[in-house]
N, C-alpha and C. Protein backbone atom coordinates (compact mmCIF):
# COMPACT_ATOMS: atom_id res chain seq x y z
N MET A 1 179.00 -72.04 27.09
CA MET A 1 177.64 -72.43 26.72
C MET A 1 176.61 -71.65 27.55
N LYS A 2 176.94 -71.45 28.83
CA LYS A 2 176.01 -70.75 29.71
C LYS A 2 175.80 -69.31 29.23
N ALA A 3 176.88 -68.67 28.77
CA ALA A 3 176.77 -67.29 28.28
C ALA A 3 175.88 -67.23 27.04
N THR A 4 176.01 -68.23 26.17
CA THR A 4 175.17 -68.29 24.97
C THR A 4 173.71 -68.46 25.35
N MET A 5 173.44 -69.34 26.30
CA MET A 5 172.05 -69.56 26.73
C MET A 5 171.48 -68.30 27.37
N ASN A 6 172.30 -67.59 28.14
CA ASN A 6 171.83 -66.34 28.74
C ASN A 6 171.51 -65.31 27.67
N ARG A 7 172.33 -65.24 26.62
CA ARG A 7 172.09 -64.31 25.52
C ARG A 7 170.79 -64.67 24.78
N ILE A 8 170.62 -65.96 24.50
CA ILE A 8 169.39 -66.41 23.83
C ILE A 8 168.18 -66.07 24.69
N ASN A 9 168.28 -66.30 25.98
CA ASN A 9 167.16 -66.00 26.88
C ASN A 9 166.84 -64.52 26.92
N ARG A 10 167.87 -63.67 26.94
CA ARG A 10 167.63 -62.22 26.95
C ARG A 10 166.92 -61.78 25.67
N ILE A 11 167.38 -62.29 24.54
CA ILE A 11 166.75 -61.95 23.26
C ILE A 11 165.31 -62.42 23.24
N TYR A 12 165.10 -63.67 23.66
CA TYR A 12 163.74 -64.20 23.62
C TYR A 12 162.83 -63.51 24.63
N ASP A 13 163.38 -63.10 25.77
CA ASP A 13 162.58 -62.35 26.74
C ASP A 13 162.12 -61.01 26.16
N LYS A 14 162.99 -60.34 25.41
CA LYS A 14 162.60 -59.07 24.77
C LYS A 14 161.52 -59.32 23.73
N PHE A 15 161.69 -60.37 22.95
CA PHE A 15 160.68 -60.72 21.95
C PHE A 15 159.35 -61.04 22.63
N ASN A 16 159.41 -61.77 23.73
CA ASN A 16 158.20 -62.13 24.46
C ASN A 16 157.53 -60.90 25.07
N LYS A 17 158.32 -59.91 25.47
CA LYS A 17 157.76 -58.68 26.01
C LYS A 17 156.99 -57.94 24.92
N LEU A 18 157.53 -57.91 23.70
CA LEU A 18 156.80 -57.31 22.58
C LEU A 18 155.49 -58.05 22.33
N ASN A 19 155.55 -59.37 22.38
CA ASN A 19 154.35 -60.18 22.22
C ASN A 19 153.34 -59.84 23.30
N GLU A 20 153.81 -59.64 24.52
CA GLU A 20 152.93 -59.29 25.63
C GLU A 20 152.22 -57.96 25.38
N TYR A 21 152.97 -56.97 24.91
CA TYR A 21 152.35 -55.66 24.61
C TYR A 21 151.32 -55.79 23.49
N PHE A 22 151.63 -56.61 22.48
CA PHE A 22 150.69 -56.82 21.39
C PHE A 22 149.41 -57.49 21.90
N ILE A 23 149.57 -58.47 22.78
CA ILE A 23 148.42 -59.17 23.36
C ILE A 23 147.55 -58.20 24.17
N ILE A 24 148.19 -57.35 24.96
CA ILE A 24 147.45 -56.37 25.76
C ILE A 24 146.67 -55.43 24.85
N GLY A 25 147.33 -54.93 23.81
CA GLY A 25 146.66 -54.04 22.86
C GLY A 25 145.50 -54.72 22.15
N LEU A 26 145.72 -55.96 21.76
CA LEU A 26 144.67 -56.72 21.08
C LEU A 26 143.49 -56.99 22.00
N MET A 27 143.78 -57.31 23.25
CA MET A 27 142.71 -57.55 24.23
C MET A 27 141.90 -56.27 24.45
N ALA A 28 142.59 -55.15 24.58
CA ALA A 28 141.89 -53.87 24.78
C ALA A 28 141.04 -53.53 23.56
N ALA A 29 141.59 -53.73 22.37
CA ALA A 29 140.84 -53.44 21.15
C ALA A 29 139.61 -54.35 21.04
N MET A 30 139.77 -55.62 21.38
CA MET A 30 138.64 -56.55 21.31
C MET A 30 137.55 -56.14 22.30
N CYS A 31 137.94 -55.74 23.49
CA CYS A 31 136.95 -55.28 24.48
C CYS A 31 136.22 -54.04 23.99
N LEU A 32 136.94 -53.13 23.37
CA LEU A 32 136.30 -51.91 22.84
C LEU A 32 135.33 -52.23 21.71
N VAL A 33 135.72 -53.13 20.83
CA VAL A 33 134.84 -53.52 19.72
C VAL A 33 133.57 -54.17 20.26
N LEU A 34 133.72 -55.06 21.24
CA LEU A 34 132.54 -55.72 21.80
C LEU A 34 131.68 -54.76 22.61
N LEU A 35 132.30 -53.81 23.29
CA LEU A 35 131.55 -52.79 24.01
C LEU A 35 130.76 -51.93 23.02
N ALA A 36 131.40 -51.57 21.91
CA ALA A 36 130.70 -50.79 20.88
C ALA A 36 129.52 -51.57 20.33
N GLN A 37 129.69 -52.88 20.18
CA GLN A 37 128.60 -53.73 19.69
C GLN A 37 127.42 -53.72 20.67
N VAL A 38 127.72 -53.87 21.96
CA VAL A 38 126.67 -53.88 22.98
C VAL A 38 125.94 -52.54 23.02
N ILE A 39 126.70 -51.46 23.01
CA ILE A 39 126.09 -50.11 23.03
C ILE A 39 125.24 -49.89 21.80
N SER A 40 125.78 -50.27 20.65
CA SER A 40 125.05 -50.09 19.40
C SER A 40 123.76 -50.89 19.38
N ARG A 41 123.82 -52.11 19.87
CA ARG A 41 122.65 -52.98 19.84
C ARG A 41 121.58 -52.55 20.84
N TYR A 42 121.97 -52.31 22.08
CA TYR A 42 120.98 -52.08 23.12
C TYR A 42 120.60 -50.62 23.31
N LEU A 43 121.48 -49.70 23.00
CA LEU A 43 121.14 -48.28 23.15
C LEU A 43 120.49 -47.71 21.89
N PHE A 44 121.05 -48.10 20.76
CA PHE A 44 120.57 -47.53 19.50
C PHE A 44 119.69 -48.47 18.69
N GLY A 45 119.63 -49.74 19.10
CA GLY A 45 118.78 -50.70 18.40
C GLY A 45 119.30 -51.12 17.04
N LYS A 46 120.53 -50.78 16.72
CA LYS A 46 121.14 -51.16 15.43
C LYS A 46 122.49 -51.81 15.70
N PRO A 47 122.55 -53.13 15.65
CA PRO A 47 123.83 -53.80 15.91
C PRO A 47 124.84 -53.54 14.79
N LEU A 48 126.10 -53.52 15.15
CA LEU A 48 127.16 -53.39 14.16
C LEU A 48 127.29 -54.73 13.43
N THR A 49 127.36 -54.69 12.13
CA THR A 49 127.40 -55.94 11.37
C THR A 49 128.78 -56.58 11.37
N TRP A 50 129.80 -55.80 11.59
CA TRP A 50 131.17 -56.28 11.45
C TRP A 50 131.85 -56.63 12.77
N SER A 51 131.27 -56.25 13.90
CA SER A 51 131.99 -56.35 15.18
C SER A 51 132.26 -57.79 15.62
N GLU A 52 131.31 -58.68 15.42
CA GLU A 52 131.50 -60.06 15.86
C GLU A 52 132.60 -60.74 15.07
N GLU A 53 132.63 -60.49 13.78
CA GLU A 53 133.67 -61.09 12.95
C GLU A 53 135.05 -60.55 13.31
N LEU A 54 135.14 -59.25 13.54
CA LEU A 54 136.40 -58.65 13.95
C LEU A 54 136.84 -59.18 15.31
N ALA A 55 135.91 -59.33 16.23
CA ALA A 55 136.23 -59.88 17.56
C ALA A 55 136.72 -61.32 17.43
N ARG A 56 136.14 -62.08 16.51
CA ARG A 56 136.59 -63.46 16.30
C ARG A 56 138.03 -63.48 15.79
N TYR A 57 138.35 -62.61 14.84
CA TYR A 57 139.72 -62.51 14.34
C TYR A 57 140.68 -62.22 15.49
N MET A 58 140.30 -61.24 16.30
CA MET A 58 141.16 -60.85 17.42
C MET A 58 141.32 -61.99 18.43
N PHE A 59 140.23 -62.71 18.67
CA PHE A 59 140.27 -63.80 19.64
C PHE A 59 141.21 -64.92 19.17
N VAL A 60 141.17 -65.24 17.89
CA VAL A 60 142.05 -66.28 17.35
C VAL A 60 143.51 -65.88 17.56
N TRP A 61 143.82 -64.63 17.23
CA TRP A 61 145.19 -64.13 17.43
C TRP A 61 145.56 -64.17 18.91
N LEU A 62 144.64 -63.75 19.77
CA LEU A 62 144.91 -63.75 21.21
C LEU A 62 145.20 -65.16 21.72
N ALA A 63 144.43 -66.12 21.28
CA ALA A 63 144.60 -67.50 21.75
C ALA A 63 145.98 -68.05 21.37
N LEU A 64 146.37 -67.83 20.13
CA LEU A 64 147.64 -68.41 19.68
C LEU A 64 148.85 -67.64 20.20
N LEU A 65 148.80 -66.33 20.17
CA LEU A 65 149.92 -65.55 20.71
C LEU A 65 149.99 -65.70 22.23
N GLY A 66 148.83 -65.78 22.86
CA GLY A 66 148.79 -65.98 24.30
C GLY A 66 149.36 -67.32 24.72
N SER A 67 149.17 -68.34 23.90
CA SER A 67 149.74 -69.66 24.21
C SER A 67 151.26 -69.60 24.24
N ALA A 68 151.84 -68.91 23.27
CA ALA A 68 153.30 -68.76 23.26
C ALA A 68 153.77 -67.96 24.47
N TRP A 69 153.05 -66.91 24.79
CA TRP A 69 153.42 -66.07 25.93
C TRP A 69 153.33 -66.85 27.24
N CYS A 70 152.27 -67.61 27.41
CA CYS A 70 152.09 -68.40 28.63
C CYS A 70 153.17 -69.47 28.77
N GLY A 71 153.53 -70.07 27.67
CA GLY A 71 154.56 -71.10 27.71
C GLY A 71 155.90 -70.56 28.16
N ARG A 72 156.23 -69.36 27.74
CA ARG A 72 157.53 -68.77 28.11
C ARG A 72 157.64 -68.57 29.61
N GLY A 73 156.57 -68.15 30.23
CA GLY A 73 156.61 -67.93 31.67
C GLY A 73 156.19 -69.14 32.48
N HIS A 74 155.95 -70.26 31.79
CA HIS A 74 155.44 -71.47 32.43
C HIS A 74 154.15 -71.19 33.18
N ILE A 75 153.30 -70.37 32.56
CA ILE A 75 152.00 -70.03 33.15
C ILE A 75 150.96 -70.83 32.37
N HIS A 76 151.02 -72.12 32.44
CA HIS A 76 150.11 -72.96 31.69
C HIS A 76 149.65 -74.11 32.57
N VAL A 77 148.67 -74.81 32.10
CA VAL A 77 148.12 -75.92 32.86
C VAL A 77 149.14 -77.05 32.88
N ARG A 78 149.48 -77.47 34.06
CA ARG A 78 150.34 -78.64 34.19
C ARG A 78 150.05 -79.30 35.53
N MET A 79 150.45 -80.50 35.64
CA MET A 79 150.12 -81.27 36.84
C MET A 79 151.27 -81.19 37.84
N THR A 80 151.50 -79.99 38.39
CA THR A 80 152.62 -79.81 39.32
C THR A 80 152.45 -80.64 40.58
N ALA A 81 151.23 -80.86 41.02
CA ALA A 81 151.01 -81.66 42.22
C ALA A 81 151.56 -83.07 42.02
N LEU A 82 151.44 -83.60 40.82
CA LEU A 82 151.97 -84.93 40.51
C LEU A 82 153.47 -84.87 40.24
N VAL A 83 153.88 -83.93 39.41
CA VAL A 83 155.28 -83.84 39.01
C VAL A 83 156.19 -83.54 40.20
N ASN A 84 155.75 -82.69 41.11
CA ASN A 84 156.59 -82.31 42.24
C ASN A 84 156.84 -83.44 43.23
N ARG A 85 156.16 -84.54 43.09
CA ARG A 85 156.39 -85.70 43.96
C ARG A 85 157.61 -86.51 43.53
N PHE A 86 158.09 -86.26 42.30
CA PHE A 86 159.24 -86.99 41.80
C PHE A 86 160.54 -86.37 42.31
N PRO A 87 161.61 -87.16 42.34
CA PRO A 87 162.91 -86.57 42.70
C PRO A 87 163.40 -85.63 41.59
N ALA A 88 164.31 -84.74 41.95
CA ALA A 88 164.79 -83.70 41.03
C ALA A 88 165.30 -84.25 39.69
N PRO A 89 166.08 -85.34 39.66
CA PRO A 89 166.54 -85.83 38.35
C PRO A 89 165.40 -86.27 37.43
N VAL A 90 164.35 -86.83 38.01
CA VAL A 90 163.19 -87.25 37.20
C VAL A 90 162.46 -86.01 36.67
N ILE A 91 162.29 -85.00 37.52
CA ILE A 91 161.65 -83.75 37.08
C ILE A 91 162.45 -83.13 35.95
N HIS A 92 163.78 -83.14 36.09
CA HIS A 92 164.64 -82.60 35.04
C HIS A 92 164.42 -83.34 33.72
N GLY A 93 164.45 -84.66 33.79
CA GLY A 93 164.24 -85.45 32.58
C GLY A 93 162.87 -85.22 31.96
N LEU A 94 161.85 -85.17 32.81
CA LEU A 94 160.49 -84.90 32.31
C LEU A 94 160.40 -83.55 31.62
N GLN A 95 161.01 -82.52 32.22
CA GLN A 95 160.93 -81.19 31.63
C GLN A 95 161.63 -81.14 30.28
N VAL A 96 162.77 -81.79 30.17
CA VAL A 96 163.50 -81.84 28.90
C VAL A 96 162.65 -82.55 27.85
N ILE A 97 162.08 -83.69 28.20
CA ILE A 97 161.27 -84.47 27.25
C ILE A 97 160.01 -83.70 26.86
N ILE A 98 159.32 -83.12 27.83
CA ILE A 98 158.08 -82.38 27.54
C ILE A 98 158.36 -81.20 26.62
N SER A 99 159.41 -80.45 26.92
CA SER A 99 159.75 -79.29 26.09
C SER A 99 160.08 -79.71 24.66
N LEU A 100 160.84 -80.79 24.53
CA LEU A 100 161.20 -81.28 23.20
C LEU A 100 159.97 -81.78 22.45
N LEU A 101 159.11 -82.54 23.11
CA LEU A 101 157.91 -83.06 22.44
C LEU A 101 156.97 -81.95 21.99
N ILE A 102 156.78 -80.93 22.82
CA ILE A 102 155.91 -79.82 22.43
C ILE A 102 156.50 -79.10 21.22
N SER A 103 157.80 -78.82 21.26
CA SER A 103 158.40 -78.10 20.13
C SER A 103 158.35 -78.94 18.85
N LEU A 104 158.64 -80.22 18.93
CA LEU A 104 158.58 -81.08 17.74
C LEU A 104 157.16 -81.18 17.20
N THR A 105 156.18 -81.28 18.08
CA THR A 105 154.78 -81.32 17.64
C THR A 105 154.42 -80.05 16.89
N CYS A 106 154.83 -78.92 17.43
CA CYS A 106 154.52 -77.64 16.76
C CYS A 106 155.26 -77.50 15.44
N PHE A 107 156.53 -77.94 15.39
CA PHE A 107 157.25 -77.90 14.12
C PHE A 107 156.58 -78.81 13.09
N TYR A 108 156.01 -79.92 13.54
CA TYR A 108 155.27 -80.80 12.65
C TYR A 108 153.98 -80.13 12.15
N LEU A 109 153.27 -79.44 13.04
CA LEU A 109 152.00 -78.80 12.68
C LEU A 109 152.18 -77.56 11.80
N PHE A 110 153.34 -76.92 11.88
CA PHE A 110 153.56 -75.66 11.18
C PHE A 110 153.28 -75.73 9.67
N PRO A 111 153.84 -76.71 8.92
CA PRO A 111 153.55 -76.73 7.47
C PRO A 111 152.07 -76.97 7.16
N HIS A 112 151.40 -77.74 8.01
CA HIS A 112 149.97 -77.98 7.80
C HIS A 112 149.17 -76.70 8.03
N ALA A 113 149.55 -75.94 9.04
CA ALA A 113 148.89 -74.66 9.29
C ALA A 113 149.13 -73.70 8.13
N CYS A 114 150.33 -73.73 7.56
CA CYS A 114 150.63 -72.88 6.39
C CYS A 114 149.76 -73.28 5.20
N GLU A 115 149.57 -74.58 5.03
CA GLU A 115 148.74 -75.07 3.92
C GLU A 115 147.29 -74.60 4.07
N ILE A 116 146.75 -74.70 5.27
CA ILE A 116 145.38 -74.24 5.52
C ILE A 116 145.29 -72.74 5.29
N PHE A 117 146.29 -72.00 5.76
CA PHE A 117 146.31 -70.55 5.54
C PHE A 117 146.27 -70.24 4.04
N MET A 118 147.07 -70.94 3.26
CA MET A 118 147.12 -70.67 1.81
C MET A 118 145.77 -70.93 1.15
N LYS A 119 145.09 -71.98 1.57
CA LYS A 119 143.77 -72.28 1.00
C LYS A 119 142.73 -71.23 1.41
N GLN A 120 142.74 -70.85 2.67
CA GLN A 120 141.72 -69.93 3.18
C GLN A 120 141.98 -68.48 2.78
N SER A 121 143.21 -68.14 2.47
CA SER A 121 143.52 -66.74 2.17
C SER A 121 142.90 -66.28 0.86
N ARG A 122 142.46 -67.20 0.04
CA ARG A 122 141.80 -66.83 -1.22
C ARG A 122 140.35 -66.39 -1.01
N LEU A 123 139.80 -66.73 0.15
CA LEU A 123 138.40 -66.41 0.44
C LEU A 123 138.29 -65.07 1.15
N LYS A 124 137.11 -64.47 1.04
CA LYS A 124 136.85 -63.17 1.69
C LYS A 124 135.88 -63.36 2.85
N ALA A 125 136.07 -62.57 3.89
CA ALA A 125 135.16 -62.56 5.03
C ALA A 125 133.84 -61.93 4.59
N VAL A 126 132.74 -62.41 5.11
CA VAL A 126 131.42 -61.97 4.68
C VAL A 126 131.17 -60.51 5.04
N THR A 127 131.33 -60.15 6.30
CA THR A 127 130.96 -58.79 6.71
C THR A 127 132.10 -57.79 6.58
N LEU A 128 133.33 -58.22 6.83
CA LEU A 128 134.45 -57.28 6.75
C LEU A 128 134.95 -57.09 5.32
N GLY A 129 134.77 -58.09 4.49
CA GLY A 129 135.21 -58.00 3.11
C GLY A 129 136.71 -58.12 2.92
N VAL A 130 137.42 -58.57 3.96
CA VAL A 130 138.87 -58.76 3.85
C VAL A 130 139.17 -60.24 3.71
N SER A 131 140.40 -60.54 3.37
CA SER A 131 140.80 -61.93 3.19
C SER A 131 140.73 -62.69 4.51
N LEU A 132 140.26 -63.93 4.44
CA LEU A 132 140.26 -64.79 5.62
C LEU A 132 141.69 -65.13 6.05
N GLY A 133 142.63 -64.84 5.17
CA GLY A 133 144.03 -65.07 5.50
C GLY A 133 144.48 -64.33 6.74
N ILE A 134 143.87 -63.17 7.01
CA ILE A 134 144.22 -62.39 8.21
C ILE A 134 143.95 -63.22 9.46
N GLU A 135 142.88 -63.96 9.45
CA GLU A 135 142.56 -64.82 10.59
C GLU A 135 143.41 -66.08 10.58
N TYR A 136 143.55 -66.70 9.42
CA TYR A 136 144.21 -67.99 9.35
C TYR A 136 145.73 -67.91 9.43
N ILE A 137 146.32 -66.76 9.18
CA ILE A 137 147.78 -66.62 9.33
C ILE A 137 148.17 -66.69 10.80
N ALA A 138 147.21 -66.48 11.68
CA ALA A 138 147.50 -66.56 13.12
C ALA A 138 147.97 -67.96 13.51
N ALA A 139 147.46 -68.99 12.84
CA ALA A 139 147.85 -70.36 13.19
C ALA A 139 149.33 -70.61 12.91
N PRO A 140 149.83 -70.37 11.69
CA PRO A 140 151.27 -70.60 11.49
C PRO A 140 152.15 -69.70 12.36
N VAL A 141 151.76 -68.44 12.52
CA VAL A 141 152.56 -67.52 13.34
C VAL A 141 152.58 -68.00 14.79
N GLY A 142 151.41 -68.29 15.34
CA GLY A 142 151.33 -68.74 16.73
C GLY A 142 152.03 -70.07 16.95
N ILE A 143 151.82 -71.01 16.04
CA ILE A 143 152.45 -72.33 16.18
C ILE A 143 153.96 -72.22 16.10
N LEU A 144 154.46 -71.38 15.19
CA LEU A 144 155.91 -71.20 15.08
C LEU A 144 156.47 -70.55 16.35
N MET A 145 155.75 -69.58 16.88
CA MET A 145 156.21 -68.94 18.12
C MET A 145 156.22 -69.94 19.28
N ILE A 146 155.21 -70.77 19.35
CA ILE A 146 155.16 -71.80 20.41
C ILE A 146 156.31 -72.79 20.23
N ALA A 147 156.55 -73.21 18.98
CA ALA A 147 157.63 -74.16 18.70
C ALA A 147 158.99 -73.60 19.09
N VAL A 148 159.25 -72.36 18.71
CA VAL A 148 160.53 -71.74 19.05
C VAL A 148 160.66 -71.57 20.56
N GLN A 149 159.58 -71.13 21.19
CA GLN A 149 159.61 -70.94 22.64
C GLN A 149 159.96 -72.24 23.36
N TRP A 150 159.31 -73.33 22.98
CA TRP A 150 159.55 -74.59 23.66
C TRP A 150 160.89 -75.20 23.27
N PHE A 151 161.39 -74.90 22.08
CA PHE A 151 162.72 -75.37 21.72
C PHE A 151 163.78 -74.64 22.55
N VAL A 152 163.61 -73.34 22.73
CA VAL A 152 164.51 -72.58 23.61
C VAL A 152 164.40 -73.13 25.03
N ASP A 153 163.20 -73.43 25.47
CA ASP A 153 162.98 -74.01 26.79
C ASP A 153 163.71 -75.36 26.91
N PHE A 154 163.62 -76.17 25.87
CA PHE A 154 164.31 -77.46 25.84
C PHE A 154 165.82 -77.27 25.98
N LEU A 155 166.38 -76.34 25.18
CA LEU A 155 167.82 -76.09 25.26
C LEU A 155 168.22 -75.61 26.66
N TYR A 156 167.44 -74.71 27.18
CA TYR A 156 167.72 -74.15 28.51
C TYR A 156 167.67 -75.24 29.57
N ALA A 157 166.65 -76.09 29.52
CA ALA A 157 166.51 -77.17 30.51
C ALA A 157 167.63 -78.20 30.35
N ALA A 158 168.01 -78.49 29.11
CA ALA A 158 169.02 -79.51 28.86
C ALA A 158 170.44 -79.01 29.15
N LEU A 159 170.72 -77.74 28.84
CA LEU A 159 172.09 -77.25 28.91
C LEU A 159 172.41 -76.41 30.15
N ASP A 160 171.40 -75.85 30.79
CA ASP A 160 171.64 -75.00 31.97
C ASP A 160 170.56 -75.27 33.00
N TRP A 161 170.57 -76.48 33.56
CA TRP A 161 169.50 -76.88 34.47
C TRP A 161 169.47 -76.00 35.72
N GLU A 162 170.62 -75.59 36.23
CA GLU A 162 170.64 -74.75 37.43
C GLU A 162 169.95 -73.42 37.15
N GLY A 163 170.29 -72.79 36.03
CA GLY A 163 169.65 -71.53 35.66
C GLY A 163 168.16 -71.72 35.40
N TYR A 164 167.83 -72.84 34.79
CA TYR A 164 166.43 -73.15 34.50
C TYR A 164 165.64 -73.29 35.80
N GLN A 165 166.20 -74.02 36.75
CA GLN A 165 165.53 -74.21 38.04
C GLN A 165 165.34 -72.88 38.76
N ALA A 166 166.37 -72.04 38.73
CA ALA A 166 166.29 -70.75 39.40
C ALA A 166 165.20 -69.88 38.78
N ARG A 167 165.04 -70.01 37.48
CA ARG A 167 164.07 -69.16 36.78
C ARG A 167 162.64 -69.66 36.92
N TYR A 168 162.44 -70.97 36.79
CA TYR A 168 161.08 -71.50 36.68
C TYR A 168 160.60 -72.32 37.86
N MET A 169 161.46 -73.11 38.45
CA MET A 169 160.99 -74.08 39.43
C MET A 169 160.49 -73.45 40.72
N LYS A 170 161.06 -72.33 41.13
CA LYS A 170 160.60 -71.68 42.36
C LYS A 170 159.17 -71.20 42.22
N GLN A 171 158.87 -70.53 41.09
CA GLN A 171 157.53 -69.97 40.93
C GLN A 171 156.48 -71.05 40.76
N GLU A 172 156.86 -72.22 40.27
CA GLU A 172 155.88 -73.28 40.10
C GLU A 172 155.53 -73.92 41.44
N GLY A 173 156.47 -73.94 42.37
CA GLY A 173 156.22 -74.54 43.66
C GLY A 173 155.48 -73.61 44.62
N GLU A 174 155.46 -72.33 44.33
CA GLU A 174 154.83 -71.35 45.22
C GLU A 174 153.34 -71.30 45.04
């Protein structure tokens, strides 16, 4: 079982690394678009009509993909000062329950996000003239990535607690 969990973790780490590169590229592109908007507005006196809408699209994608990325590395808001006061078996149980609840919540939200995407994809963006689906597809994609990430986290915490502690618990206490 441990070998299977290690294989799953290696695969998911590679997937998460790709997500990280995409996030970095998206962040750089968003900064460039907003910089172009500022230069266009204040230097030339003619603001770009499409830049704010494009930046909003990028921001939505960044927020959802970034949430999945942060969850994988346990770089998210949590109450470690409170949790670390509990004995190790309680922390273990809490981590298993939290990971399972987050993944189940996301799996529950996924079909609803797909429904919203389907409704909004018929509409066009005002300034860009593209389908709003480009923005709204970020919700199902991001939610599914978060759900899978936390389900893998749940399996890892439940089936290989020693490996889980070695990977995550040290960095949270530092």
